PDB file of N, CA and C in Angstrom:
ATOM      1  N   MET A   1      18.771 -63.007 -20.260  1.00  0.00           N
ATOM      2  CA  MET A   1      17.792 -61.968 -20.439  1.00  0.00           C
ATOM      3  C   MET A   1      16.761 -62.479 -21.442  1.00  0.00           C
ATOM      4  N   THR A   2      15.502 -62.173 -21.174  1.00  0.00           N
ATOM      5  CA  THR A   2      14.443 -62.648 -22.063  1.00  0.00           C
ATOM      6  C   THR A   2      14.272 -61.677 -23.241  1.00  0.00           C
ATOM      7  N   ILE A   3      13.452 -62.079 -24.184  1.00  0.00           N
ATOM      8  CA  ILE A   3      13.129 -61.212 -25.320  1.00  0.00           C
ATOM      9  C   ILE A   3      12.465 -59.932 -24.852  1.00  0.00           C
ATOM     10  N   ALA A   4      11.536 -60.035 -23.918  1.00  0.00           N
ATOM     11  CA  ALA A   4      10.854 -58.843 -23.391  1.00  0.00           C
ATOM     12  C   ALA A   4      11.829 -57.900 -22.691  1.00  0.00           C
ATOM     13  N   GLU A   5      12.791 -58.472 -21.934  1.00  0.00           N
ATOM     14  CA  GLU A   5      13.784 -57.643 -21.241  1.00  0.00           C
ATOM     15  C   GLU A   5      14.695 -56.958 -22.254  1.00  0.00           C
ATOM     16  N   LEU A   6      15.083 -57.672 -23.306  1.00  0.00           N
ATOM     17  CA  LEU A   6      15.919 -57.076 -24.355  1.00  0.00           C
ATOM     18  C   LEU A   6      15.188 -55.953 -25.056  1.00  0.00           C
ATOM     19  N   ALA A   7      13.892 -56.170 -25.323  1.00  0.00           N
ATOM     20  CA  ALA A   7      13.101 -55.115 -25.976  1.00  0.00           C
ATOM     21  C   ALA A   7      13.061 -53.859 -25.080  1.00  0.00           C
ATOM     22  N   LYS A   8      12.823 -54.047 -23.810  1.00  0.00           N
ATOM     23  CA  LYS A   8      12.769 -52.924 -22.904  1.00  0.00           C
ATOM     24  C   LYS A   8      14.117 -52.219 -22.839  1.00  0.00           C
ATOM     25  N   MET A   9      15.196 -52.997 -22.753  1.00  0.00           N
ATOM     26  CA  MET A   9      16.534 -52.427 -22.649  1.00  0.00           C
ATOM     27  C   MET A   9      16.902 -51.610 -23.872  1.00  0.00           C
ATOM     28  N   THR A  10      16.472 -52.075 -25.039  1.00  0.00           N
ATOM     29  CA  THR A  10      16.820 -51.394 -26.304  1.00  0.00           C
ATOM     30  C   THR A  10      15.727 -50.432 -26.763  1.00  0.00           C
ATOM     31  N   ARG A  11      14.678 -50.311 -25.927  1.00  0.00           N
ATOM     32  CA  ARG A  11      13.557 -49.404 -26.238  1.00  0.00           C
ATOM     33  C   ARG A  11      12.933 -49.749 -27.576  1.00  0.00           C
ATOM     34  N   SER A  12      12.751 -51.013 -27.798  1.00  0.00           N
ATOM     35  CA  SER A  12      12.079 -51.485 -29.000  1.00  0.00           C
ATOM     36  C   SER A  12      10.948 -52.395 -28.567  1.00  0.00           C
ATOM     37  N   SER A  13      10.145 -52.819 -29.531  1.00  0.00           N
ATOM     38  CA  SER A  13       9.041 -53.696 -29.207  1.00  0.00           C
ATOM     39  C   SER A  13       9.455 -55.158 -29.286  1.00  0.00           C
ATOM     40  N   VAL A  14       8.659 -56.010 -28.645  1.00  0.00           N
ATOM     41  CA  VAL A  14       8.914 -57.432 -28.713  1.00  0.00           C
ATOM     42  C   VAL A  14       8.837 -57.940 -30.159  1.00  0.00           C
ATOM     43  N   PRO A  15       7.844 -57.511 -30.954  1.00  0.00           N
ATOM     44  CA  PRO A  15       7.825 -57.939 -32.357  1.00  0.00           C
ATOM     45  C   PRO A  15       9.068 -57.507 -33.145  1.00  0.00           C
ATOM     46  N   THR A  16       9.634 -56.343 -32.811  1.00  0.00           N
ATOM     47  CA  THR A  16      10.853 -55.899 -33.459  1.00  0.00           C
ATOM     48  C   THR A  16      12.018 -56.809 -33.110  1.00  0.00           C
ATOM     49  N   VAL A  17      12.092 -57.225 -31.863  1.00  0.00           N
ATOM     50  CA  VAL A  17      13.150 -58.149 -31.449  1.00  0.00           C
ATOM     51  C   VAL A  17      12.996 -59.471 -32.207  1.00  0.00           C
ATOM     52  N   TYR A  18      11.768 -59.983 -32.267  1.00  0.00           N
ATOM     53  CA  TYR A  18      11.538 -61.215 -33.029  1.00  0.00           C
ATOM     54  C   TYR A  18      11.931 -61.056 -34.492  1.00  0.00           C
ATOM     55  N   ALA A  19      11.578 -59.926 -35.106  1.00  0.00           N
ATOM     56  CA  ALA A  19      11.925 -59.686 -36.499  1.00  0.00           C
ATOM     57  C   ALA A  19      13.447 -59.663 -36.666  1.00  0.00           C
ATOM     58  N   ASN A  20      14.147 -59.033 -35.772  1.00  0.00           N
ATOM     59  CA  ASN A  20      15.616 -58.991 -35.842  1.00  0.00           C
ATOM     60  C   ASN A  20      16.192 -60.386 -35.710  1.00  0.00           C
ATOM     61  N   ILE A  21      15.650 -61.195 -34.817  1.00  0.00           N
ATOM     62  CA  ILE A  21      16.132 -62.555 -34.657  1.00  0.00           C
ATOM     63  C   ILE A  21      15.929 -63.337 -35.957  1.00  0.00           C
ATOM     64  N   LYS A  22      14.751 -63.167 -36.562  1.00  0.00           N
ATOM     65  CA  LYS A  22      14.420 -63.890 -37.804  1.00  0.00           C
ATOM     66  C   LYS A  22      15.395 -63.544 -38.932  1.00  0.00           C
ATOM     67  N   ARG A  23      15.807 -62.272 -39.000  1.00  0.00           N
ATOM     68  CA  ARG A  23      16.710 -61.862 -40.093  1.00  0.00           C
ATOM     69  C   ARG A  23      18.190 -61.976 -39.694  1.00  0.00           C
ATOM     70  N   GLY A  24      18.482 -62.502 -38.507  1.00  0.00           N
ATOM     71  CA  GLY A  24      19.856 -62.754 -38.091  1.00  0.00           C
ATOM     72  C   GLY A  24      20.550 -61.547 -37.508  1.00  0.00           C
ATOM     73  N   ALA A  25      19.801 -60.514 -37.186  1.00  0.00           N
ATOM     74  CA  ALA A  25      20.366 -59.333 -36.562  1.00  0.00           C
ATOM     75  C   ALA A  25      20.188 -59.417 -35.055  1.00  0.00           C
ATOM     76  N   GLY A  26      21.020 -58.723 -34.319  1.00  0.00           N
ATOM     77  CA  GLY A  26      20.868 -58.713 -32.881  1.00  0.00           C
ATOM     78  C   GLY A  26      21.929 -59.571 -32.222  1.00  0.00           C
ATOM     79  N   PRO A  27      21.850 -59.664 -30.881  1.00  0.00           N
ATOM     80  CA  PRO A  27      22.833 -60.420 -30.157  1.00  0.00           C
ATOM     81  C   PRO A  27      22.663 -61.924 -30.332  1.00  0.00           C
ATOM     82  N   LYS A  28      23.691 -62.654 -29.985  1.00  0.00           N
ATOM     83  CA  LYS A  28      23.696 -64.107 -30.070  1.00  0.00           C
ATOM     84  C   LYS A  28      22.570 -64.676 -29.178  1.00  0.00           C
ATOM     85  N   ILE A  29      21.878 -65.667 -29.694  1.00  0.00           N
ATOM     86  CA  ILE A  29      20.761 -66.305 -28.995  1.00  0.00           C
ATOM     87  C   ILE A  29      21.289 -67.523 -28.211  1.00  0.00           C
ATOM     88  N   THR A  30      20.752 -67.691 -27.013  1.00  0.00           N
ATOM     89  CA  THR A  30      21.015 -68.893 -26.225  1.00  0.00           C
ATOM     90  C   THR A  30      19.678 -69.566 -25.973  1.00  0.00           C
ATOM     91  N   LYS A  31      19.537 -70.824 -26.345  1.00  0.00           N
ATOM     92  CA  LYS A  31      18.293 -71.562 -26.098  1.00  0.00           C
ATOM     93  C   LYS A  31      18.464 -72.429 -24.874  1.00  0.00           C
ATOM     94  N   ILE A  32      17.584 -72.253 -23.900  1.00  0.00           N
ATOM     95  CA  ILE A  32      17.599 -73.084 -22.678  1.00  0.00           C
ATOM     96  C   ILE A  32      16.180 -73.527 -22.426  1.00  0.00           C
ATOM     97  N   GLY A  33      15.981 -74.831 -22.432  1.00  0.00           N
ATOM     98  CA  GLY A  33      14.642 -75.375 -22.168  1.00  0.00           C
ATOM     99  C   GLY A  33      13.581 -74.858 -23.093  1.00  0.00           C
ATOM    100  N   GLY A  34      13.929 -74.624 -24.339  1.00  0.00           N
ATOM    101  CA  GLY A  34      12.981 -74.141 -25.325  1.00  0.00           C
ATOM    102  C   GLY A  34      12.770 -72.638 -25.289  1.00  0.00           C
ATOM    103  N   LYS A  35      13.431 -71.943 -24.360  1.00  0.00           N
ATOM    104  CA  LYS A  35      13.270 -70.502 -24.258  1.00  0.00           C
ATOM    105  C   LYS A  35      14.435 -69.817 -24.981  1.00  0.00           C
ATOM    106  N   THR A  36      14.143 -68.718 -25.611  1.00  0.00           N
ATOM    107  CA  THR A  36      15.163 -67.884 -26.261  1.00  0.00           C
ATOM    108  C   THR A  36      15.637 -66.876 -25.266  1.00  0.00           C
ATOM    109  N   LEU A  37      16.928 -66.941 -24.939  1.00  0.00           N
ATOM    110  CA  LEU A  37      17.528 -66.025 -23.970  1.00  0.00           C
ATOM    111  C   LEU A  37      18.763 -65.381 -24.543  1.00  0.00           C
ATOM    112  N   PHE A  38      19.200 -64.315 -23.918  1.00  0.00           N
ATOM    113  CA  PHE A  38      20.375 -63.587 -24.345  1.00  0.00           C
ATOM    114  C   PHE A  38      21.285 -63.375 -23.131  1.00  0.00           C
ATOM    115  N   GLU A  39      22.567 -63.540 -23.314  1.00  0.00           N
ATOM    116  CA  GLU A  39      23.544 -63.301 -22.262  1.00  0.00           C
ATOM    117  C   GLU A  39      23.944 -61.828 -22.303  1.00  0.00           C
ATOM    118  N   ARG A  40      24.072 -61.231 -21.155  1.00  0.00           N
ATOM    119  CA  ARG A  40      24.388 -59.794 -21.100  1.00  0.00           C
ATOM    120  C   ARG A  40      25.652 -59.470 -21.896  1.00  0.00           C
ATOM    121  N   ARG A  41      26.683 -60.322 -21.808  1.00  0.00           N
ATOM    122  CA  ARG A  41      27.931 -60.018 -22.535  1.00  0.00           C
ATOM    123  C   ARG A  41      27.711 -60.034 -24.051  1.00  0.00           C
ATOM    124  N   ASP A  42      26.787 -60.875 -24.526  1.00  0.00           N
ATOM    125  CA  ASP A  42      26.481 -60.897 -25.957  1.00  0.00           C
ATOM    126  C   ASP A  42      25.708 -59.636 -26.367  1.00  0.00           C
ATOM    127  N   ILE A  43      24.836 -59.159 -25.497  1.00  0.00           N
ATOM    128  CA  ILE A  43      24.110 -57.924 -25.781  1.00  0.00           C
ATOM    129  C   ILE A  43      25.079 -56.761 -25.802  1.00  0.00           C
ATOM    130  N   GLU A  44      25.959 -56.691 -24.830  1.00  0.00           N
ATOM    131  CA  GLU A  44      26.932 -55.597 -24.777  1.00  0.00           C
ATOM    132  C   GLU A  44      27.846 -55.603 -25.998  1.00  0.00           C
ATOM    133  N   ALA A  45      28.270 -56.779 -26.426  1.00  0.00           N
ATOM    134  CA  ALA A  45      29.121 -56.894 -27.624  1.00  0.00           C
ATOM    135  C   ALA A  45      28.344 -56.457 -28.874  1.00  0.00           C
ATOM    136  N   TRP A  46      27.083 -56.820 -28.962  1.00  0.00           N
ATOM    137  CA  TRP A  46      26.243 -56.439 -30.095  1.00  0.00           C
ATOM    138  C   TRP A  46      26.062 -54.905 -30.138  1.00  0.00           C
ATOM    139  N   ILE A  47      25.797 -54.298 -28.981  1.00  0.00           N
ATOM    140  CA  ILE A  47      25.656 -52.843 -28.932  1.00  0.00           C
ATOM    141  C   ILE A  47      26.962 -52.153 -29.299  1.00  0.00           C
ATOM    142  N   ALA A  48      28.057 -52.633 -28.802  1.00  0.00           N
ATOM    143  CA  ALA A  48      29.361 -52.049 -29.131  1.00  0.00           C
ATOM    144  C   ALA A  48      29.622 -52.165 -30.626  1.00  0.00           C
ATOM    145  N   SER A  49      29.281 -53.305 -31.205  1.00  0.00           N
ATOM    146  CA  SER A  49      29.468 -53.508 -32.649  1.00  0.00           C
ATOM    147  C   SER A  49      28.595 -52.559 -33.441  1.00  0.00           C
ATOM    148  N   ALA A  50      27.401 -52.332 -33.015  1.00  0.00           N
ATOM    149  CA  ALA A  50      26.489 -51.423 -33.718  1.00  0.00           C
ATOM    150  C   ALA A  50      27.013 -49.989 -33.664  1.00  0.00           C
ATOM    151  N   LYS A  51      27.578 -49.606 -32.529  1.00  0.00           N
ATOM    152  CA  LYS A  51      28.156 -48.261 -32.387  1.00  0.00           C
ATOM    153  C   LYS A  51      29.347 -48.109 -33.312  1.00  0.00           C
ATOM    154  N   THR A  52      30.170 -49.144 -33.396  1.00  0.00           N
ATOM    155  CA  THR A  52      31.350 -49.128 -34.272  1.00  0.00           C
ATOM    156  C   THR A  52      30.932 -49.039 -35.748  1.00  0.00           C
ATOM    157  N   ASP A  53      29.889 -49.776 -36.115  1.00  0.00           N
ATOM    158  CA  ASP A  53      29.408 -49.764 -37.509  1.00  0.00           C
ATOM    159  C   ASP A  53      28.926 -48.357 -37.904  1.00  0.00           C
ATOM    160  N   ARG A  54      28.234 -47.675 -36.991  1.00  0.00           N
ATOM    161  CA  ARG A  54      27.722 -46.341 -37.288  1.00  0.00           C
ATOM    162  C   ARG A  54      28.838 -45.324 -37.352  1.00  0.00           C
ATOM    163  N   ALA A  55      29.880 -45.496 -36.534  1.00  0.00           N
ATOM    164  CA  ALA A  55      30.953 -44.527 -36.472  1.00  0.00           C
ATOM    165  C   ALA A  55      31.895 -44.673 -37.662  1.00  0.00           C
ATOM    166  N   GLY A  56      31.970 -45.894 -38.198  1.00  0.00           N
ATOM    167  CA  GLY A  56      32.937 -46.168 -39.273  1.00  0.00           C
ATOM    168  C   GLY A  56      32.405 -45.893 -40.602  1.00  0.00           C
TER     169      GLY A  56
END
């Protein structure tokens, strides 16, 4: 999934996604051919972790 797709999925802006990447927040990054991509399973794990953090 691209940065733009992640932004759309999480209802955030592309600059917000970049800011989160810069500060180490968000799902695990996969670099392929110089592109920053995200695997769906990493996004799902990140979302689940965020839900757990808020509930706890």
